[in-house]
Protein backbone atom coordinates (compact mmCIF):
# COMPACT_ATOMS: atom_id res chain seq x y z
CA MET A 1 75.93 -40.59 -48.81
CA ASP A 2 73.02 -43.15 -49.60
CA ARG A 3 69.84 -42.33 -47.18
CA LEU A 4 67.85 -45.29 -46.08
CA ALA A 5 64.23 -45.41 -44.92
CA ILE A 6 62.62 -48.70 -44.10
CA PHE A 7 58.77 -48.46 -44.05
CA ASP A 8 56.35 -50.85 -42.25
CA LEU A 9 53.56 -51.93 -44.81
CA ASP A 10 50.08 -52.43 -42.94
CA ASN A 11 48.35 -49.23 -41.86
CA THR A 12 51.80 -47.50 -43.06
CA LEU A 13 52.20 -47.47 -46.66
CA VAL A 14 48.94 -49.46 -47.21
CA ASP A 15 45.44 -48.66 -45.38
CA ARG A 16 45.03 -52.29 -44.13
CA SER A 17 42.15 -51.34 -41.66
CA ALA A 18 40.21 -49.92 -44.88
CA ALA A 19 41.12 -53.03 -46.99
CA PHE A 20 39.64 -55.20 -44.38
CA ALA A 21 36.50 -53.19 -43.67
CA SER A 22 35.72 -53.06 -47.39
CA TRP A 23 36.09 -57.07 -47.42
CA ALA A 24 33.86 -57.23 -44.25
CA ALA A 25 31.15 -55.16 -45.61
CA THR A 26 31.10 -57.21 -48.85
CA PHE A 27 31.23 -60.69 -46.59
CA THR A 28 27.97 -59.59 -44.44
CA GLU A 29 26.09 -58.52 -47.13
CA ARG A 30 26.99 -61.79 -49.25
CA TRP A 31 25.71 -63.70 -46.35
CA GLY A 32 22.53 -61.60 -45.48
CA LEU A 33 24.13 -60.43 -42.22
CA GLY A 34 23.14 -57.27 -40.57
CA PRO A 35 25.48 -54.31 -39.41
CA GLU A 36 26.09 -55.82 -36.27
CA ALA A 37 28.00 -58.76 -37.78
CA LEU A 38 30.24 -56.07 -39.52
CA VAL A 39 31.14 -54.45 -36.39
CA TRP A 40 31.76 -58.05 -35.06
CA LEU A 41 34.19 -58.88 -37.70
CA ILE A 42 36.16 -55.81 -37.44
CA GLU A 43 36.61 -56.42 -33.59
CA GLU A 44 37.38 -60.13 -34.16
CA ASP A 45 40.09 -59.13 -36.81
CA GLY A 46 42.05 -57.49 -34.09
CA ASP A 47 43.53 -55.13 -36.37
CA GLY A 48 45.14 -57.85 -38.25
CA PHE A 49 46.77 -59.78 -35.66
CA ALA A 50 43.96 -62.42 -35.22
CA VAL A 51 44.45 -65.89 -36.69
CA ARG A 52 42.43 -66.12 -39.83
CA ARG A 53 41.32 -69.69 -39.26
CA THR A 54 39.96 -68.67 -35.78
CA VAL A 55 38.25 -65.56 -37.10
CA PHE A 56 36.42 -67.74 -39.36
CA GLU A 57 35.65 -70.64 -37.00
CA ARG A 58 34.00 -67.96 -34.78
CA ALA A 59 32.26 -66.50 -37.46
CA ARG A 60 30.83 -69.85 -38.93
CA ASN A 61 29.60 -70.79 -35.22
CA ARG A 62 28.24 -67.14 -34.35
CA PHE A 63 26.20 -66.79 -37.71
CA GLY A 64 25.46 -70.41 -38.81
CA LEU A 65 27.29 -69.95 -41.99
CA ALA A 66 27.01 -72.95 -44.53
CA ALA A 67 30.25 -73.12 -45.98
CA SER A 68 33.05 -74.85 -44.42
CA VAL A 69 35.73 -73.10 -42.40
CA ASP A 70 38.32 -74.12 -45.05
CA GLN A 71 36.12 -72.71 -47.73
CA LEU A 72 35.75 -69.35 -46.02
CA VAL A 73 39.37 -69.05 -45.34
CA ALA A 74 40.19 -70.16 -48.98
CA ASP A 75 37.77 -67.57 -50.44
CA TYR A 76 39.14 -64.82 -48.06
CA SER A 77 42.44 -64.05 -49.08
CA PRO A 78 42.05 -63.11 -53.00
CA ASP A 79 38.92 -61.14 -52.05
CA TYR A 80 40.68 -59.16 -49.24
CA LEU A 81 43.79 -58.62 -51.20
CA SER A 82 42.11 -57.13 -54.08
CA ARG A 83 40.85 -54.31 -51.82
CA PHE A 84 44.31 -52.99 -51.70
CA ARG A 85 44.54 -49.64 -54.04
CA PRO A 86 47.18 -47.11 -54.91
CA ASP A 87 47.14 -44.30 -52.75
CA PRO A 88 48.62 -41.08 -54.85
CA ALA A 89 49.65 -39.43 -51.62
CA VAL A 90 52.04 -42.37 -50.66
CA GLN A 91 53.16 -42.99 -54.29
CA ASP A 92 54.21 -39.29 -54.60
CA GLY A 93 55.96 -39.37 -51.11
CA LEU A 94 57.92 -42.40 -52.07
CA ALA A 95 58.83 -40.98 -55.64
CA ARG A 96 60.03 -37.68 -53.75
CA LEU A 97 62.27 -39.65 -51.55
CA LYS A 98 63.66 -41.57 -54.67
CA ASP A 99 64.23 -38.42 -56.37
CA ALA A 100 66.27 -37.11 -53.40
CA GLY A 101 68.30 -40.11 -53.58
CA TRP A 102 66.91 -42.30 -50.82
CA ARG A 103 67.21 -46.21 -50.87
CA LEU A 104 63.49 -47.40 -49.69
CA ALA A 105 62.64 -50.80 -48.32
CA VAL A 106 59.50 -52.39 -46.64
CA ALA A 107 60.17 -54.66 -43.40
CA THR A 108 56.78 -56.39 -42.77
CA ASN A 109 55.58 -58.95 -40.45
CA GLY A 110 53.51 -61.38 -42.32
CA ALA A 111 53.15 -63.92 -44.83
CA PRO A 112 54.15 -63.89 -48.62
CA THR A 113 50.77 -62.38 -49.50
CA GLN A 114 52.25 -59.29 -48.50
CA HIS A 115 53.78 -58.83 -52.02
CA ALA A 116 50.47 -58.86 -53.34
CA LYS A 117 49.53 -55.82 -51.37
CA ILE A 118 52.42 -53.95 -52.49
CA GLU A 119 51.75 -54.84 -56.20
CA ASN A 120 48.06 -53.96 -55.87
CA ALA A 121 48.85 -50.62 -54.21
CA GLY A 122 51.26 -49.66 -57.02
CA LEU A 123 54.29 -49.51 -54.62
CA ALA A 124 56.76 -51.62 -56.25
CA PRO A 125 58.20 -49.11 -58.71
CA TRP A 126 59.83 -47.33 -55.83
CA LEU A 127 60.91 -50.04 -53.58
CA ASP A 128 64.62 -51.13 -53.43
CA ALA A 129 63.75 -54.09 -51.12
CA VAL A 130 61.03 -56.22 -49.58
CA CYS A 131 61.54 -58.33 -46.58
CA VAL A 132 58.64 -60.23 -45.35
CA SER A 133 59.03 -62.11 -41.99
CA GLU A 134 57.67 -65.47 -42.96
CA GLU A 135 59.82 -65.76 -45.72
CA LEU A 136 63.12 -64.75 -43.58
CA GLY A 137 62.34 -66.69 -40.46
CA PHE A 138 62.36 -63.71 -38.18
CA ALA A 139 60.03 -60.89 -37.56
CA LYS A 140 60.06 -57.30 -36.29
CA PRO A 141 61.42 -56.17 -33.79
CA ASP A 142 64.19 -58.71 -34.40
CA ARG A 143 67.20 -56.71 -35.49
CA ARG A 144 67.99 -59.29 -38.46
CA ILE A 145 64.93 -58.15 -40.41
CA PHE A 146 66.10 -54.48 -40.50
CA GLU A 147 69.74 -55.76 -41.41
CA ALA A 148 68.06 -57.69 -43.99
CA ALA A 149 65.99 -54.83 -45.49
CA CYS A 150 69.35 -52.70 -45.25
CA SER A 151 71.34 -55.36 -47.15
CA ALA A 152 68.61 -55.97 -49.85
CA ALA A 153 68.47 -52.42 -50.54
CA GLY A 154 72.33 -52.54 -51.49
CA LEU A 155 73.44 -50.68 -48.44
CA GLY A 156 75.94 -51.68 -45.78
CA ARG A 157 75.30 -52.23 -42.19
CA ALA A 158 76.49 -48.67 -41.39
CA ALA A 159 73.49 -47.06 -43.10
CA LEU A 160 71.29 -48.47 -40.37
CA GLY A 161 72.75 -46.08 -38.04
CA ARG A 162 71.81 -43.09 -40.34
CA GLY A 163 68.48 -44.61 -41.56
CA TRP A 164 64.95 -44.31 -40.48
CA MET A 165 62.36 -46.72 -39.77
CA ILE A 166 58.65 -45.61 -40.37
CA GLY A 167 55.71 -47.53 -39.14
CA ASP A 168 52.64 -47.52 -36.95
CA SER A 169 53.38 -50.32 -34.46
CA ALA A 170 55.21 -49.13 -31.10
CA ALA A 171 56.09 -52.78 -30.20
CA ALA A 172 57.58 -53.79 -33.66
CA ASP A 173 58.64 -50.85 -35.73
CA ILE A 174 59.69 -48.29 -33.06
CA ARG A 175 61.06 -50.66 -30.61
CA GLY A 176 62.92 -52.48 -33.22
CA ALA A 177 64.36 -49.49 -34.50
CA HIS A 178 65.33 -48.08 -31.00
CA GLU A 179 67.14 -51.38 -30.23
CA ILE A 180 69.31 -51.25 -33.58
CA GLY A 181 69.93 -47.68 -33.36
CA MET A 182 67.80 -46.21 -35.89
CA ARG A 183 65.91 -43.15 -35.90
CA SER A 184 61.95 -43.71 -36.31
CA VAL A 185 58.94 -42.17 -37.23
CA TRP A 186 55.50 -43.10 -35.54
CA LEU A 187 52.23 -43.15 -37.42
CA HIS A 188 49.88 -42.52 -34.35
CA ARG A 189 46.54 -43.43 -36.07
CA GLY A 190 44.89 -41.36 -33.51
CA ARG A 191 46.46 -43.12 -30.54
CA ALA A 192 48.62 -41.67 -27.76
CA TRP A 193 52.21 -42.96 -27.18
CA THR A 194 52.34 -45.18 -24.03
CA GLU A 195 55.72 -46.64 -23.95
CA ALA A 196 58.14 -45.56 -21.29
CA ALA A 197 61.27 -47.38 -22.32
CA PHE A 198 61.89 -45.75 -25.74
CA ARG A 199 60.26 -43.00 -28.20
CA PRO A 200 60.09 -42.41 -31.49
CA ASP A 201 62.13 -39.44 -33.00
CA ALA A 202 58.97 -37.98 -34.63
CA VAL A 203 55.07 -38.46 -34.55
CA VAL A 204 53.14 -37.89 -37.53
CA ALA A 205 49.56 -38.68 -38.89
CA SER A 206 50.15 -39.50 -42.49
CA ILE A 207 52.78 -40.95 -44.74
CA ASP A 208 53.19 -37.63 -46.39
CA ARG A 209 53.92 -35.99 -43.04
CA ALA A 210 56.54 -38.49 -42.52
CA VAL A 211 58.17 -37.76 -45.90
CA GLU A 212 58.50 -34.21 -45.17
CA HIS A 213 60.25 -35.08 -41.84
CA LEU A 214 62.89 -37.52 -43.70
CA LEU A 215 63.51 -34.95 -46.35
CA ALA A 216 63.99 -32.06 -43.54
CA ASN A 217 66.14 -34.50 -41.36
CA GLY A 218 67.68 -36.93 -43.52
């Protein structure tokens, strides 16, 4: 029986927070800004949910940057994406699942540049499918992205009922899994669970712990 694991990408399979902090440190150094600017940029980023153009409009006004907003936005993406690096622990976890016969997919909310993160992080060899919301026209927690990931991984819809969703977002990942009847693993990232209407099947601190849970309970 094929077993299915659908993973979130940002702050699940890749450390998006670290990549942005690395970019922000270089950005503030390049523009001769102080440490308070670094803290401000990380707060403005909103864990990746802030609109990039709005962040740079506010940064340009706050710090009197000479470059245009268009130039700041254009420079951001390639520099930021280059900050994603392979994590041997994540690669090893995916390899263990593949060796055990699992089908592995990514379902991520974001732009097509999510593919660059996957490539730079060296994850592609273990993934059977990658579903990106802006390419599909719908986003988590919409059930269609989970169905698309399952189908792209080569499995029938029945596999969702015995599959797992692994992610760090209660609203997108765990709620979406709950609504479609999937089991779920939540990466807590130091946070407490606060939702009353639904809960994950497991709470873990890292991908390797998530993999251990899947292998033991698949």
